[in-house]
Structures are given as structure tokens and as C-alpha cells.
Amino acid sequence: MAEEHPKQRLIQGSSYVDDDGSAAPALLTALRAYAAGTDPYPAALAAVAGSRLLVPVVALLGEVEVDDAGLARDKSSDMATVLMTAPDGRRGLLAFTGTDAMRAWDPEARPVPVAAPLAAATAVQEGADALVIDLGSPHLFAVAGEDLHRLAAGWRPVRLEDGGWAWLAGSEEADSDASSAR
């Protein structure tokens, strides 16, 4: 008699299962063009809004245990996202375009791939003032203020026919009057 296998249950995973951690070339091009002053902020923000970012997760020491010889060792640790605090007190959640940029910042950090709106929503939820992308790179980019909240809500910047920019609501629940031209 053949052995029966229980029905497999699949856990829904990340939509980035095949992601190799490389930065999207179009995103890097947009961030570099903004940093060089050849493209406006909304163009870089639009590229960010449609991209995957890597949010670093690092180990934080929980409890320390000291043995009989007086040597300390980890008893427990937790994993946490990283919030940086500027000298003026503003806080930013870190995110990176790819593993190369993240490893240059901290080789021990673990990448968690997320859509940019989810990274922005996490920043808002954590009480951060900004989403800081590619800290330590020449194309550092920060999304703050109303832009951070709109990105977190799933909105995206779009170029208008007249060359201006506006926010397009990402869902039907979003208030249709909240779209504002930049």
C-alpha cells in the first residue's frame, strides 16, 4: 500500500522570492540623476514609488549572561529595523536599493525586500520623519513630510502633460481631491 502524504500547506511568501538583491538599474539611474541635479525630485520619487527596497534588519543584544570566569555572552537577542537619528533629532528608517549598498553600510545586516510604499508605511508607523535610501552613497535620497505619508498610502507621483507633477491615488478608497500638483 502506498504511503499517503498529508496535504501540503503553502505559506504565502514574499513577492520577491526570485530577487537576487541587485539594485534596479532604472532606480539607480533616477537617484543618480537627481543627485547630479539633472532630474527633478519628483522624477526620483516616482522611481522610488514603483520599486523594491531592502530594509535592513540587525540583531540587537537582549540579555547578557556572565559565566563563572567573568566572560559575557549573549543570552538572547532580537531582530529590528534600523532608525537613524540626525543631530537635530529627526529620525529616518533606513532602506537600500540593493545588497551592495546595504553591505557597504553594514555587512552583518539582513535584507528584507519590500515594496517602497510598505517601507514608507513602516517609517510612518515607527514614528520616523523620513525614509532614508542608500545612506552613505553619493545618491542618498530621503522621502519626508507629506511625500512620505502619500507614498505610505500607496500614492505615486506622475508626470502631467504640461510637464508638472501630481500624486495619483493608489487605491479607490483614497480621497480623490487629495491629489495635488507639484
N, C-alpha and C. Protein backbone atom coordinates (compact mmCIF):
# COMPACT_ATOMS: atom_id res chain seq x y z
N MET A 1 0.84 -1.17 0.00
CA MET A 1 0.00 0.00 0.00
C MET A 1 0.89 1.24 0.00
N ALA A 2 0.55 2.19 -0.84
CA ALA A 2 1.34 3.42 -0.95
C ALA A 2 1.12 4.29 0.28
N GLU A 3 2.18 4.94 0.70
CA GLU A 3 2.10 5.82 1.85
C GLU A 3 1.44 7.13 1.44
N GLU A 4 0.47 7.56 2.22
CA GLU A 4 -0.20 8.83 1.92
C GLU A 4 0.54 9.97 2.60
N HIS A 5 0.64 11.05 1.88
CA HIS A 5 1.26 12.25 2.44
C HIS A 5 0.18 13.24 2.78
N PRO A 6 0.32 13.88 3.92
CA PRO A 6 -0.69 14.89 4.27
C PRO A 6 -0.68 16.01 3.24
N LYS A 7 -1.80 16.64 3.09
CA LYS A 7 -1.93 17.76 2.16
C LYS A 7 -0.95 18.85 2.57
N GLN A 8 -0.15 19.31 1.61
CA GLN A 8 0.81 20.36 1.90
C GLN A 8 0.10 21.70 2.02
N ARG A 9 0.52 22.49 2.97
CA ARG A 9 0.01 23.84 3.12
C ARG A 9 1.14 24.78 2.74
N LEU A 10 0.83 25.65 1.85
CA LEU A 10 1.83 26.61 1.42
C LEU A 10 1.60 27.93 2.13
N ILE A 11 2.67 28.46 2.65
CA ILE A 11 2.61 29.76 3.29
C ILE A 11 2.90 30.80 2.23
N GLN A 12 2.05 31.79 2.16
CA GLN A 12 2.27 32.84 1.17
C GLN A 12 3.52 33.60 1.57
N GLY A 13 4.46 33.66 0.66
CA GLY A 13 5.73 34.32 0.95
C GLY A 13 5.83 35.66 0.27
N SER A 14 7.02 36.16 0.26
CA SER A 14 7.31 37.44 -0.34
C SER A 14 7.10 37.38 -1.85
N SER A 15 6.69 38.48 -2.43
CA SER A 15 6.56 38.54 -3.88
C SER A 15 7.94 38.71 -4.52
N TYR A 16 8.98 38.74 -3.71
CA TYR A 16 10.34 38.92 -4.21
C TYR A 16 11.17 37.65 -4.03
N VAL A 17 10.54 36.48 -4.18
CA VAL A 17 11.20 35.20 -3.96
C VAL A 17 12.43 35.04 -4.84
N ASP A 18 12.36 35.44 -6.10
CA ASP A 18 13.49 35.28 -7.02
C ASP A 18 14.42 36.49 -7.05
N ASP A 19 14.24 37.40 -6.13
CA ASP A 19 15.04 38.62 -6.07
C ASP A 19 16.47 38.27 -5.66
N ASP A 20 17.45 38.69 -6.45
CA ASP A 20 18.84 38.41 -6.12
C ASP A 20 19.49 39.53 -5.31
N GLY A 21 18.73 40.56 -4.99
CA GLY A 21 19.24 41.65 -4.17
C GLY A 21 19.91 42.77 -4.95
N SER A 22 19.97 42.63 -6.26
CA SER A 22 20.59 43.68 -7.07
C SER A 22 19.69 44.91 -7.11
N ALA A 23 20.31 46.06 -7.18
CA ALA A 23 19.55 47.31 -7.33
C ALA A 23 18.97 47.37 -8.73
N ALA A 24 17.76 47.88 -8.84
CA ALA A 24 17.13 48.05 -10.15
C ALA A 24 17.87 49.16 -10.90
N PRO A 25 18.35 48.88 -12.11
CA PRO A 25 19.10 49.90 -12.87
C PRO A 25 18.32 51.20 -13.05
N ALA A 26 17.02 51.12 -13.33
CA ALA A 26 16.23 52.34 -13.55
C ALA A 26 16.15 53.18 -12.27
N LEU A 27 16.06 52.53 -11.13
CA LEU A 27 16.01 53.25 -9.86
C LEU A 27 17.35 53.95 -9.59
N LEU A 28 18.44 53.22 -9.78
CA LEU A 28 19.76 53.83 -9.57
C LEU A 28 19.98 55.01 -10.52
N THR A 29 19.56 54.85 -11.77
CA THR A 29 19.71 55.94 -12.74
C THR A 29 18.94 57.18 -12.28
N ALA A 30 17.72 56.98 -11.80
CA ALA A 30 16.90 58.10 -11.34
C ALA A 30 17.51 58.78 -10.12
N LEU A 31 17.99 58.00 -9.15
CA LEU A 31 18.58 58.58 -7.95
C LEU A 31 19.88 59.32 -8.27
N ARG A 32 20.68 58.75 -9.17
CA ARG A 32 21.93 59.40 -9.56
C ARG A 32 21.66 60.69 -10.34
N ALA A 33 20.64 60.67 -11.21
CA ALA A 33 20.30 61.88 -11.97
C ALA A 33 19.82 62.99 -11.04
N TYR A 34 19.03 62.63 -10.03
CA TYR A 34 18.59 63.64 -9.06
C TYR A 34 19.80 64.18 -8.28
N ALA A 35 20.68 63.28 -7.83
CA ALA A 35 21.85 63.71 -7.06
C ALA A 35 22.76 64.62 -7.89
N ALA A 36 22.81 64.37 -9.20
CA ALA A 36 23.64 65.19 -10.10
C ALA A 36 22.96 66.49 -10.50
N GLY A 37 21.69 66.62 -10.15
CA GLY A 37 20.95 67.84 -10.49
C GLY A 37 20.40 67.86 -11.90
N THR A 38 20.37 66.70 -12.57
CA THR A 38 19.86 66.66 -13.94
C THR A 38 18.40 66.25 -14.03
N ASP A 39 17.85 65.71 -12.96
CA ASP A 39 16.42 65.37 -12.92
C ASP A 39 15.81 65.94 -11.65
N PRO A 40 14.52 66.29 -11.69
CA PRO A 40 13.87 66.86 -10.50
C PRO A 40 13.54 65.80 -9.46
N TYR A 41 13.33 66.27 -8.24
CA TYR A 41 12.96 65.40 -7.13
C TYR A 41 11.76 64.50 -7.46
N PRO A 42 10.66 65.02 -8.06
CA PRO A 42 9.52 64.14 -8.33
C PRO A 42 9.85 62.96 -9.26
N ALA A 43 10.80 63.13 -10.17
CA ALA A 43 11.17 62.02 -11.05
C ALA A 43 11.85 60.91 -10.25
N ALA A 44 12.72 61.29 -9.33
CA ALA A 44 13.37 60.29 -8.48
C ALA A 44 12.34 59.65 -7.54
N LEU A 45 11.44 60.46 -7.00
CA LEU A 45 10.39 59.94 -6.11
C LEU A 45 9.49 58.96 -6.85
N ALA A 46 9.17 59.25 -8.11
CA ALA A 46 8.34 58.33 -8.91
C ALA A 46 9.06 57.00 -9.12
N ALA A 47 10.37 57.04 -9.33
CA ALA A 47 11.13 55.80 -9.49
C ALA A 47 11.14 55.00 -8.20
N VAL A 48 11.29 55.70 -7.07
CA VAL A 48 11.27 55.03 -5.76
C VAL A 48 9.90 54.39 -5.52
N ALA A 49 8.82 55.13 -5.82
CA ALA A 49 7.46 54.66 -5.52
C ALA A 49 7.14 53.33 -6.17
N GLY A 50 7.71 53.05 -7.32
CA GLY A 50 7.42 51.80 -8.02
C GLY A 50 8.47 50.73 -7.83
N SER A 51 9.31 50.88 -6.83
CA SER A 51 10.44 49.96 -6.71
C SER A 51 10.37 49.07 -5.47
N ARG A 52 11.26 48.09 -5.50
CA ARG A 52 11.51 47.24 -4.34
C ARG A 52 12.71 47.83 -3.61
N LEU A 53 12.61 47.92 -2.30
CA LEU A 53 13.72 48.38 -1.48
C LEU A 53 14.09 47.27 -0.51
N LEU A 54 15.30 47.34 0.01
CA LEU A 54 15.73 46.40 1.04
C LEU A 54 15.80 47.15 2.36
N VAL A 55 15.01 46.71 3.31
CA VAL A 55 15.05 47.29 4.65
C VAL A 55 15.98 46.41 5.47
N PRO A 56 17.03 47.00 6.05
CA PRO A 56 17.96 46.18 6.83
C PRO A 56 17.40 45.82 8.19
N VAL A 57 17.65 44.59 8.58
CA VAL A 57 17.28 44.12 9.90
C VAL A 57 18.58 43.70 10.58
N VAL A 58 18.79 44.17 11.79
CA VAL A 58 20.02 43.88 12.53
C VAL A 58 19.68 43.24 13.88
N ALA A 59 20.64 42.49 14.39
CA ALA A 59 20.48 41.86 15.70
C ALA A 59 20.77 42.87 16.81
N LEU A 60 19.91 42.88 17.80
CA LEU A 60 20.10 43.72 18.99
C LEU A 60 20.27 42.80 20.18
N LEU A 61 21.28 43.07 20.97
CA LEU A 61 21.53 42.27 22.14
C LEU A 61 20.40 42.46 23.15
N GLY A 62 19.82 41.37 23.59
CA GLY A 62 18.75 41.42 24.58
C GLY A 62 19.34 41.32 25.97
N GLU A 63 19.61 40.11 26.39
CA GLU A 63 20.18 39.88 27.72
C GLU A 63 21.59 39.33 27.58
N VAL A 64 22.43 39.66 28.54
CA VAL A 64 23.80 39.16 28.58
C VAL A 64 23.93 38.27 29.81
N GLU A 65 24.63 37.17 29.61
CA GLU A 65 24.87 36.25 30.71
C GLU A 65 26.38 36.23 30.98
N VAL A 66 26.77 36.27 32.22
CA VAL A 66 28.18 36.24 32.58
C VAL A 66 28.47 34.88 33.21
N ASP A 67 29.49 34.19 32.66
CA ASP A 67 29.82 32.86 33.19
C ASP A 67 30.72 32.97 34.43
N ASP A 68 31.10 31.83 34.97
CA ASP A 68 31.90 31.80 36.20
C ASP A 68 33.27 32.46 36.03
N ALA A 69 33.77 32.49 34.79
CA ALA A 69 35.08 33.11 34.53
C ALA A 69 34.95 34.61 34.31
N GLY A 70 33.73 35.14 34.36
CA GLY A 70 33.52 36.57 34.18
C GLY A 70 33.37 36.99 32.72
N LEU A 71 33.26 36.02 31.82
CA LEU A 71 33.09 36.32 30.41
C LEU A 71 31.61 36.50 30.07
N ALA A 72 31.32 37.56 29.33
CA ALA A 72 29.94 37.84 28.93
C ALA A 72 29.62 37.12 27.63
N ARG A 73 28.39 36.66 27.51
CA ARG A 73 27.93 36.05 26.26
C ARG A 73 26.45 36.36 26.08
N ASP A 74 26.03 36.33 24.83
CA ASP A 74 24.62 36.61 24.52
C ASP A 74 23.73 35.55 25.13
N LYS A 75 22.71 36.01 25.82
CA LYS A 75 21.71 35.08 26.32
C LYS A 75 20.50 35.13 25.39
N SER A 76 20.20 36.34 24.88
CA SER A 76 19.11 36.48 23.92
C SER A 76 19.38 37.71 23.05
N SER A 77 18.77 37.70 21.88
CA SER A 77 18.86 38.87 21.01
C SER A 77 17.57 38.99 20.23
N ASP A 78 17.34 40.17 19.70
CA ASP A 78 16.15 40.45 18.91
C ASP A 78 16.59 41.00 17.57
N MET A 79 15.71 40.90 16.58
CA MET A 79 15.98 41.48 15.27
C MET A 79 15.13 42.74 15.15
N ALA A 80 15.71 43.79 14.57
CA ALA A 80 14.99 45.06 14.48
C ALA A 80 15.38 45.81 13.21
N THR A 81 14.43 46.62 12.72
CA THR A 81 14.75 47.54 11.63
C THR A 81 15.60 48.66 12.22
N VAL A 82 16.18 49.48 11.35
CA VAL A 82 17.12 50.50 11.82
C VAL A 82 16.55 51.90 11.62
N LEU A 83 16.48 52.63 12.71
CA LEU A 83 16.13 54.05 12.68
C LEU A 83 17.38 54.84 13.05
N MET A 84 17.74 55.78 12.20
CA MET A 84 18.88 56.65 12.48
C MET A 84 18.33 57.98 12.98
N THR A 85 19.07 58.61 13.89
CA THR A 85 18.66 59.91 14.41
C THR A 85 19.69 60.96 14.00
N ALA A 86 19.21 62.02 13.35
CA ALA A 86 20.08 63.12 12.92
C ALA A 86 20.40 64.00 14.13
N PRO A 87 21.43 64.83 14.03
CA PRO A 87 21.78 65.72 15.15
C PRO A 87 20.63 66.63 15.58
N ASP A 88 19.72 66.96 14.66
CA ASP A 88 18.59 67.83 15.02
C ASP A 88 17.41 67.05 15.60
N GLY A 89 17.58 65.73 15.78
CA GLY A 89 16.54 64.91 16.40
C GLY A 89 15.60 64.21 15.44
N ARG A 90 15.64 64.56 14.16
CA ARG A 90 14.77 63.87 13.20
C ARG A 90 15.26 62.44 13.03
N ARG A 91 14.29 61.53 12.85
CA ARG A 91 14.63 60.11 12.70
C ARG A 91 14.24 59.62 11.32
N GLY A 92 15.05 58.70 10.79
CA GLY A 92 14.77 58.13 9.48
C GLY A 92 14.93 56.63 9.50
N LEU A 93 14.00 55.94 8.84
CA LEU A 93 14.10 54.49 8.65
C LEU A 93 15.01 54.26 7.46
N LEU A 94 15.98 53.38 7.60
CA LEU A 94 16.90 53.10 6.51
C LEU A 94 16.33 52.09 5.54
N ALA A 95 16.65 52.28 4.26
CA ALA A 95 16.32 51.34 3.20
C ALA A 95 17.42 51.46 2.15
N PHE A 96 17.58 50.43 1.37
CA PHE A 96 18.63 50.40 0.36
C PHE A 96 18.09 49.89 -0.96
N THR A 97 18.75 50.32 -2.05
CA THR A 97 18.32 49.90 -3.38
C THR A 97 18.78 48.48 -3.68
N GLY A 98 19.84 48.02 -3.05
CA GLY A 98 20.36 46.68 -3.30
C GLY A 98 21.28 46.23 -2.20
N THR A 99 21.67 44.97 -2.26
CA THR A 99 22.53 44.42 -1.21
C THR A 99 23.92 45.05 -1.20
N ASP A 100 24.44 45.47 -2.36
CA ASP A 100 25.76 46.10 -2.37
C ASP A 100 25.77 47.36 -1.51
N ALA A 101 24.78 48.21 -1.68
CA ALA A 101 24.69 49.45 -0.90
C ALA A 101 24.47 49.13 0.58
N MET A 102 23.64 48.12 0.86
CA MET A 102 23.36 47.77 2.24
C MET A 102 24.60 47.18 2.91
N ARG A 103 25.32 46.31 2.22
CA ARG A 103 26.52 45.69 2.78
C ARG A 103 27.63 46.73 3.01
N ALA A 104 27.68 47.76 2.16
CA ALA A 104 28.66 48.83 2.37
C ALA A 104 28.35 49.56 3.67
N TRP A 105 27.08 49.65 4.03
CA TRP A 105 26.68 50.30 5.27
C TRP A 105 26.92 49.37 6.47
N ASP A 106 26.46 48.11 6.36
CA ASP A 106 26.63 47.14 7.45
C ASP A 106 26.64 45.73 6.87
N PRO A 107 27.79 45.09 6.82
CA PRO A 107 27.88 43.75 6.23
C PRO A 107 27.08 42.68 6.99
N GLU A 108 26.73 42.96 8.24
CA GLU A 108 26.00 41.98 9.05
C GLU A 108 24.48 42.11 8.94
N ALA A 109 23.99 43.19 8.36
CA ALA A 109 22.54 43.41 8.27
C ALA A 109 21.91 42.39 7.32
N ARG A 110 20.70 42.03 7.63
CA ARG A 110 19.95 41.10 6.78
C ARG A 110 18.94 41.90 5.96
N PRO A 111 18.89 41.64 4.66
CA PRO A 111 17.96 42.40 3.82
C PRO A 111 16.54 41.82 3.86
N VAL A 112 15.58 42.71 3.99
CA VAL A 112 14.17 42.31 3.89
C VAL A 112 13.60 43.08 2.70
N PRO A 113 13.31 42.37 1.59
CA PRO A 113 12.79 43.07 0.40
C PRO A 113 11.33 43.44 0.58
N VAL A 114 11.03 44.72 0.34
CA VAL A 114 9.65 45.21 0.45
C VAL A 114 9.39 46.24 -0.64
N ALA A 115 8.14 46.40 -0.99
CA ALA A 115 7.75 47.46 -1.91
C ALA A 115 7.97 48.80 -1.20
N ALA A 116 8.37 49.80 -1.95
CA ALA A 116 8.65 51.12 -1.37
C ALA A 116 7.49 51.66 -0.53
N PRO A 117 6.22 51.51 -0.96
CA PRO A 117 5.14 52.00 -0.09
C PRO A 117 5.10 51.32 1.27
N LEU A 118 5.46 50.03 1.33
CA LEU A 118 5.49 49.34 2.62
C LEU A 118 6.65 49.86 3.48
N ALA A 119 7.78 50.14 2.87
CA ALA A 119 8.90 50.72 3.62
C ALA A 119 8.49 52.08 4.17
N ALA A 120 7.81 52.88 3.36
CA ALA A 120 7.34 54.20 3.82
C ALA A 120 6.31 54.05 4.94
N ALA A 121 5.41 53.10 4.81
CA ALA A 121 4.40 52.87 5.85
C ALA A 121 5.07 52.42 7.16
N THR A 122 6.11 51.63 7.06
CA THR A 122 6.85 51.21 8.25
C THR A 122 7.50 52.42 8.91
N ALA A 123 8.08 53.30 8.10
CA ALA A 123 8.69 54.52 8.64
C ALA A 123 7.65 55.34 9.40
N VAL A 124 6.49 55.51 8.81
CA VAL A 124 5.42 56.28 9.45
C VAL A 124 4.99 55.59 10.75
N GLN A 125 4.78 54.28 10.69
CA GLN A 125 4.36 53.52 11.87
C GLN A 125 5.38 53.62 13.01
N GLU A 126 6.66 53.66 12.66
CA GLU A 126 7.72 53.74 13.68
C GLU A 126 7.95 55.17 14.18
N GLY A 127 7.19 56.12 13.65
CA GLY A 127 7.32 57.50 14.07
C GLY A 127 8.52 58.21 13.46
N ALA A 128 9.05 57.67 12.37
CA ALA A 128 10.19 58.29 11.69
C ALA A 128 9.72 59.50 10.90
N ASP A 129 10.64 60.41 10.69
CA ASP A 129 10.36 61.61 9.90
C ASP A 129 10.66 61.41 8.43
N ALA A 130 11.41 60.36 8.11
CA ALA A 130 11.83 60.15 6.72
C ALA A 130 12.13 58.68 6.45
N LEU A 131 12.11 58.34 5.19
CA LEU A 131 12.63 57.08 4.68
C LEU A 131 13.94 57.46 4.00
N VAL A 132 15.05 56.95 4.49
CA VAL A 132 16.38 57.32 4.01
C VAL A 132 16.92 56.18 3.16
N ILE A 133 17.16 56.46 1.89
CA ILE A 133 17.55 55.43 0.94
C ILE A 133 19.02 55.57 0.57
N ASP A 134 19.74 54.47 0.68
CA ASP A 134 21.17 54.36 0.33
C ASP A 134 22.06 55.31 1.12
N LEU A 135 21.90 55.26 2.44
CA LEU A 135 22.75 56.03 3.34
C LEU A 135 24.22 55.70 3.04
N GLY A 136 25.03 56.73 2.96
CA GLY A 136 26.46 56.54 2.72
C GLY A 136 26.84 56.52 1.25
N SER A 137 25.87 56.65 0.37
CA SER A 137 26.17 56.65 -1.07
C SER A 137 26.15 58.07 -1.60
N PRO A 138 26.71 58.29 -2.79
CA PRO A 138 26.65 59.63 -3.39
C PRO A 138 25.24 60.02 -3.85
N HIS A 139 24.34 59.03 -3.92
CA HIS A 139 22.97 59.30 -4.36
C HIS A 139 21.95 59.11 -3.24
N LEU A 140 22.38 59.39 -2.00
CA LEU A 140 21.47 59.34 -0.85
C LEU A 140 20.18 60.07 -1.20
N PHE A 141 19.03 59.47 -0.83
CA PHE A 141 17.74 60.06 -1.15
C PHE A 141 16.84 59.91 0.06
N ALA A 142 16.14 60.97 0.42
CA ALA A 142 15.23 60.92 1.57
C ALA A 142 13.83 61.33 1.14
N VAL A 143 12.85 60.59 1.62
CA VAL A 143 11.44 60.90 1.41
C VAL A 143 10.89 61.30 2.77
N ALA A 144 10.37 62.53 2.87
CA ALA A 144 9.92 63.04 4.17
C ALA A 144 8.61 63.79 4.03
N GLY A 145 8.06 64.18 5.17
CA GLY A 145 6.87 65.02 5.20
C GLY A 145 5.66 64.40 4.51
N GLU A 146 4.92 65.26 3.81
CA GLU A 146 3.73 64.79 3.10
C GLU A 146 4.05 63.73 2.07
N ASP A 147 5.23 63.83 1.45
CA ASP A 147 5.61 62.82 0.45
C ASP A 147 5.73 61.44 1.08
N LEU A 148 6.29 61.37 2.28
CA LEU A 148 6.41 60.10 2.99
C LEU A 148 5.02 59.52 3.26
N HIS A 149 4.11 60.35 3.73
CA HIS A 149 2.76 59.87 4.06
C HIS A 149 1.99 59.45 2.81
N ARG A 150 2.15 60.17 1.73
CA ARG A 150 1.47 59.79 0.49
C ARG A 150 2.03 58.50 -0.07
N LEU A 151 3.36 58.36 -0.05
CA LEU A 151 3.97 57.12 -0.52
C LEU A 151 3.50 55.95 0.35
N ALA A 152 3.43 56.16 1.65
CA ALA A 152 2.97 55.12 2.58
C ALA A 152 1.52 54.71 2.30
N ALA A 153 0.73 55.65 1.81
CA ALA A 153 -0.68 55.37 1.50
C ALA A 153 -0.85 54.72 0.12
N GLY A 154 0.26 54.51 -0.59
CA GLY A 154 0.18 53.85 -1.88
C GLY A 154 0.03 54.79 -3.06
N TRP A 155 0.18 56.07 -2.82
CA TRP A 155 0.10 57.04 -3.91
C TRP A 155 1.41 57.03 -4.69
N ARG A 156 1.38 57.52 -5.93
CA ARG A 156 2.61 57.62 -6.70
C ARG A 156 2.63 58.90 -7.51
N PRO A 157 3.81 59.50 -7.63
CA PRO A 157 3.92 60.72 -8.44
C PRO A 157 3.83 60.37 -9.93
N VAL A 158 3.12 61.20 -10.67
CA VAL A 158 3.01 61.01 -12.13
C VAL A 158 3.28 62.34 -12.81
N ARG A 159 3.90 62.24 -13.99
CA ARG A 159 4.18 63.44 -14.78
C ARG A 159 2.93 63.81 -15.57
N LEU A 160 2.59 65.09 -15.54
CA LEU A 160 1.44 65.60 -16.27
C LEU A 160 1.84 65.99 -17.68
N GLU A 161 0.87 66.14 -18.55
CA GLU A 161 1.14 66.52 -19.94
C GLU A 161 1.88 67.84 -20.04
N ASP A 162 1.61 68.76 -19.09
CA ASP A 162 2.27 70.07 -19.13
C ASP A 162 3.68 70.05 -18.53
N GLY A 163 4.16 68.85 -18.12
CA GLY A 163 5.49 68.73 -17.55
C GLY A 163 5.52 68.80 -16.04
N GLY A 164 4.41 69.19 -15.44
CA GLY A 164 4.33 69.23 -13.98
C GLY A 164 4.17 67.84 -13.39
N TRP A 165 3.99 67.79 -12.10
CA TRP A 165 3.84 66.52 -11.39
C TRP A 165 2.62 66.56 -10.50
N ALA A 166 1.99 65.40 -10.29
CA ALA A 166 0.86 65.27 -9.39
C ALA A 166 0.93 63.91 -8.71
N TRP A 167 0.17 63.77 -7.65
CA TRP A 167 0.07 62.48 -6.97
C TRP A 167 -1.15 61.75 -7.49
N LEU A 168 -0.99 60.47 -7.79
CA LEU A 168 -2.09 59.63 -8.23
C LEU A 168 -2.39 58.65 -7.11
N ALA A 169 -3.67 58.61 -6.72
CA ALA A 169 -4.06 57.72 -5.63
C ALA A 169 -3.84 56.27 -6.05
N GLY A 170 -3.37 55.49 -5.10
CA GLY A 170 -3.09 54.08 -5.37
C GLY A 170 -4.27 53.18 -5.15
N SER A 171 -5.34 53.68 -4.55
CA SER A 171 -6.50 52.83 -4.30
C SER A 171 -7.77 53.64 -4.46
N GLU A 172 -8.86 52.94 -4.63
CA GLU A 172 -10.14 53.61 -4.79
C GLU A 172 -10.61 54.28 -3.51
N GLU A 173 -10.10 53.79 -2.35
CA GLU A 173 -10.52 54.38 -1.08
C GLU A 173 -9.88 55.74 -0.87
N ALA A 174 -8.80 56.02 -1.56
CA ALA A 174 -8.10 57.29 -1.34
C ALA A 174 -9.00 58.45 -1.77
N ASP A 175 -8.88 59.52 -1.07
CA ASP A 175 -9.68 60.70 -1.34
C ASP A 175 -9.26 61.32 -2.67
N SER A 176 -10.20 61.45 -3.60
CA SER A 176 -9.86 61.92 -4.95
C SER A 176 -9.42 63.37 -4.97
N ASP A 177 -9.78 64.17 -3.97
CA ASP A 177 -9.33 65.58 -4.01
C ASP A 177 -7.92 65.74 -3.46
N ALA A 178 -7.36 64.71 -2.85
CA ALA A 178 -6.07 64.88 -2.19
C ALA A 178 -4.92 64.91 -3.18
N SER A 179 -5.17 64.58 -4.43
CA SER A 179 -4.11 64.64 -5.42
C SER A 179 -3.77 66.09 -5.67
N SER A 180 -2.49 66.43 -5.49
CA SER A 180 -2.11 67.83 -5.66
C SER A 180 -0.96 67.95 -6.62
N ALA A 181 -1.01 68.95 -7.45
CA ALA A 181 0.08 69.19 -8.40
C ALA A 181 1.29 69.72 -7.68
N ARG A 182 2.45 69.34 -8.13
CA ARG A 182 3.71 69.83 -7.55
C ARG A 182 4.25 70.91 -8.43
